[in-house]
């Protein structure tokens, strides 16, 4: 199938159009930005620090054990962070109590 290319307008017509519309304001107006101060309705919650995904292979029994312990701790991330902290490793607070970034309905 043949492709049709648009022919450019004649330079005289383009110049006439530009002269007639150069005083017309732009149709797209950006709304003024209101800085969020972190309080009140519409304030944005602080962002969680960046994360990376961690995967490893384990036996089914070990995976079940981790899953059961994670349910008690609230999440696998919290469980592993607490285990490592209790073992003496310096675990960031963001992993001990990660931000809840699930979407919520406004109807609640």
C-alpha atoms as a PDB file:
ATOM      1  CA  UNK A   1       0.000   0.000   0.000  1.00  0.00           C
ATOM      2  CA  UNK A   2       1.339   3.410  -0.924  1.00  0.00           C
ATOM      3  CA  UNK A   3       2.151   5.838   1.824  1.00  0.00           C
ATOM      4  CA  UNK A   4       0.963   9.386   1.363  1.00  0.00           C
ATOM      5  CA  UNK A   5       3.231  12.159   2.522  1.00  0.00           C
ATOM      6  CA  UNK A   6       1.820  15.539   3.405  1.00  0.00           C
ATOM      7  CA  UNK A   7       2.970  18.262   1.099  1.00  0.00           C
ATOM      8  CA  UNK A   8       4.319  21.361   2.813  1.00  0.00           C
ATOM      9  CA  UNK A   9       2.218  24.483   2.481  1.00  0.00           C
ATOM     10  CA  UNK A  10       3.382  27.245   0.238  1.00  0.00           C
ATOM     11  CA  UNK A  11       5.689  29.713   1.985  1.00  0.00           C
ATOM     12  CA  UNK A  12       3.332  32.613   1.265  1.00  0.00           C
ATOM     13  CA  UNK A  13       0.439  30.803   2.966  1.00  0.00           C
ATOM     14  CA  UNK A  14       2.607  29.841   5.949  1.00  0.00           C
ATOM     15  CA  UNK A  15       3.789  33.448   6.369  1.00  0.00           C
ATOM     16  CA  UNK A  16       0.192  34.736   6.166  1.00  0.00           C
ATOM     17  CA  UNK A  17      -0.985  32.274   8.808  1.00  0.00           C
ATOM     18  CA  UNK A  18       1.894  33.128  11.141  1.00  0.00           C
ATOM     19  CA  UNK A  19       1.176  36.840  10.813  1.00  0.00           C
ATOM     20  CA  UNK A  20      -2.485  36.309  11.659  1.00  0.00           C
ATOM     21  CA  UNK A  21      -1.958  34.175  14.762  1.00  0.00           C
ATOM     22  CA  UNK A  22       1.200  35.538  16.382  1.00  0.00           C
ATOM     23  CA  UNK A  23      -0.808  37.489  19.026  1.00  0.00           C
ATOM     24  CA  UNK A  24      -3.035  34.546  20.032  1.00  0.00           C
ATOM     25  CA  UNK A  25      -2.045  33.044  23.411  1.00  0.00           C
ATOM     26  CA  UNK A  26      -1.194  29.404  23.706  1.00  0.00           C
ATOM     27  CA  UNK A  27      -4.135  27.065  24.273  1.00  0.00           C
ATOM     28  CA  UNK A  28      -2.152  24.980  26.748  1.00  0.00           C
ATOM     29  CA  UNK A  29      -1.802  26.704  30.092  1.00  0.00           C
ATOM     30  CA  UNK A  30       0.191  25.073  32.850  1.00  0.00           C
ATOM     31  CA  UNK A  31      -1.528  25.266  36.253  1.00  0.00           C
ATOM     32  CA  UNK A  32       0.474  27.054  38.929  1.00  0.00           C
ATOM     33  CA  UNK A  33       2.484  24.682  41.075  1.00  0.00           C
ATOM     34  CA  UNK A  34       1.667  24.765  44.747  1.00  0.00           C
ATOM     35  CA  UNK A  35       4.477  23.394  46.889  1.00  0.00           C
ATOM     36  CA  UNK A  36       3.436  20.531  49.141  1.00  0.00           C
ATOM     37  CA  UNK A  37       4.298  21.165  52.760  1.00  0.00           C
ATOM     38  CA  UNK A  38       3.452  17.679  53.945  1.00  0.00           C
ATOM     39  CA  UNK A  39       0.266  18.421  55.884  1.00  0.00           C
ATOM     40  CA  UNK A  40      -3.403  18.407  55.047  1.00  0.00           C
ATOM     41  CA  UNK A  41      -5.349  16.731  52.322  1.00  0.00           C
ATOM     42  CA  UNK A  42      -3.446  16.179  49.110  1.00  0.00           C
ATOM     43  CA  UNK A  43      -0.047  16.174  50.782  1.00  0.00           C
ATOM     44  CA  UNK A  44       2.286  13.543  49.433  1.00  0.00           C
ATOM     45  CA  UNK A  45       3.723  10.927  51.691  1.00  0.00           C
ATOM     46  CA  UNK A  46       7.510  10.696  51.840  1.00  0.00           C
ATOM     47  CA  UNK A  47       8.997   8.322  49.289  1.00  0.00           C
ATOM     48  CA  UNK A  48      10.486   5.011  50.306  1.00  0.00           C
ATOM     49  CA  UNK A  49      14.198   4.525  49.591  1.00  0.00           C
ATOM     50  CA  UNK A  50      15.030   2.601  46.412  1.00  0.00           C
ATOM     51  CA  UNK A  51      14.945  -1.186  46.669  1.00  0.00           C
ATOM     52  CA  UNK A  52      16.324  -4.189  44.813  1.00  0.00           C
ATOM     53  CA  UNK A  53      14.763  -7.623  44.508  1.00  0.00           C
ATOM     54  CA  UNK A  54      16.517 -10.513  46.257  1.00  0.00           C
ATOM     55  CA  UNK A  55      15.896 -14.090  45.080  1.00  0.00           C
ATOM     56  CA  UNK A  56      17.435 -17.393  46.063  1.00  0.00           C
ATOM     57  CA  UNK A  57      16.665 -21.103  45.775  1.00  0.00           C
ATOM     58  CA  UNK A  58      15.672 -23.042  48.874  1.00  0.00           C
ATOM     59  CA  UNK A  59      14.110 -26.377  49.736  1.00  0.00           C
ATOM     60  CA  UNK A  60      10.321 -26.448  50.051  1.00  0.00           C
ATOM     61  CA  UNK A  61      10.575 -27.028  53.807  1.00  0.00           C
ATOM     62  CA  UNK A  62      12.867 -24.028  54.256  1.00  0.00           C
ATOM     63  CA  UNK A  63      10.609 -21.853  52.069  1.00  0.00           C
ATOM     64  CA  UNK A  64       7.590 -22.892  54.164  1.00  0.00           C
ATOM     65  CA  UNK A  65       9.498 -22.083  57.356  1.00  0.00           C
ATOM     66  CA  UNK A  66      10.371 -18.598  56.048  1.00  0.00           C
ATOM     67  CA  UNK A  67       6.775 -18.037  54.923  1.00  0.00           C
ATOM     68  CA  UNK A  68       5.365 -18.987  58.337  1.00  0.00           C
ATOM     69  CA  UNK A  69       7.845 -16.760  60.174  1.00  0.00           C
ATOM     70  CA  UNK A  70       7.168 -13.914  57.712  1.00  0.00           C
ATOM     71  CA  UNK A  71       3.440 -14.079  58.443  1.00  0.00           C
ATOM     72  CA  UNK A  72       4.168 -13.589  62.143  1.00  0.00           C
ATOM     73  CA  UNK A  73       6.629 -10.737  61.460  1.00  0.00           C
ATOM     74  CA  UNK A  74       4.392  -8.974  58.949  1.00  0.00           C
ATOM     75  CA  UNK A  75       6.477  -9.573  55.825  1.00  0.00           C
ATOM     76  CA  UNK A  76       9.461 -11.542  54.601  1.00  0.00           C
ATOM     77  CA  UNK A  77      11.505  -8.348  54.437  1.00  0.00           C
ATOM     78  CA  UNK A  78      10.745  -7.485  58.075  1.00  0.00           C
ATOM     79  CA  UNK A  79      11.467 -11.044  59.202  1.00  0.00           C
ATOM     80  CA  UNK A  80      14.861 -11.241  57.493  1.00  0.00           C
ATOM     81  CA  UNK A  81      15.786  -7.725  58.626  1.00  0.00           C
ATOM     82  CA  UNK A  82      15.049  -8.600  62.263  1.00  0.00           C
ATOM     83  CA  UNK A  83      16.984 -11.877  62.038  1.00  0.00           C
ATOM     84  CA  UNK A  84      20.021 -10.058  60.639  1.00  0.00           C
ATOM     85  CA  UNK A  85      19.734  -7.211  63.173  1.00  0.00           C
ATOM     86  CA  UNK A  86      19.529  -9.719  66.043  1.00  0.00           C
ATOM     87  CA  UNK A  87      22.628 -11.425  64.622  1.00  0.00           C
ATOM     88  CA  UNK A  88      24.505  -8.125  64.950  1.00  0.00           C
ATOM     89  CA  UNK A  89      24.352  -6.759  61.420  1.00  0.00           C
ATOM     90  CA  UNK A  90      23.662  -3.041  60.864  1.00  0.00           C
ATOM     91  CA  UNK A  91      20.206  -3.181  59.237  1.00  0.00           C
ATOM     92  CA  UNK A  92      18.676   0.073  57.922  1.00  0.00           C
ATOM     93  CA  UNK A  93      15.471   1.232  59.604  1.00  0.00           C
ATOM     94  CA  UNK A  94      13.762   1.215  56.198  1.00  0.00           C
ATOM     95  CA  UNK A  95      14.046  -2.582  56.171  1.00  0.00           C
ATOM     96  CA  UNK A  96      13.023  -3.108  59.786  1.00  0.00           C
ATOM     97  CA  UNK A  97       9.806  -1.155  59.257  1.00  0.00           C
ATOM     98  CA  UNK A  98       9.312  -0.580  55.518  1.00  0.00           C
ATOM     99  CA  UNK A  99       6.857   2.023  54.294  1.00  0.00           C
ATOM    100  CA  UNK A 100       3.455   0.737  53.259  1.00  0.00           C
ATOM    101  CA  UNK A 101       3.200   1.774  49.624  1.00  0.00           C
ATOM    102  CA  UNK A 102       0.045  -0.128  48.724  1.00  0.00           C
ATOM    103  CA  UNK A 103      -2.584   1.827  46.833  1.00  0.00           C
ATOM    104  CA  UNK A 104      -5.680   2.653  48.805  1.00  0.00           C
ATOM    105  CA  UNK A 105      -9.185   3.444  47.713  1.00  0.00           C
ATOM    106  CA  UNK A 106     -10.355   6.980  48.445  1.00  0.00           C
ATOM    107  CA  UNK A 107     -13.696   5.544  49.562  1.00  0.00           C
ATOM    108  CA  UNK A 108     -12.266   4.224  52.834  1.00  0.00           C
END
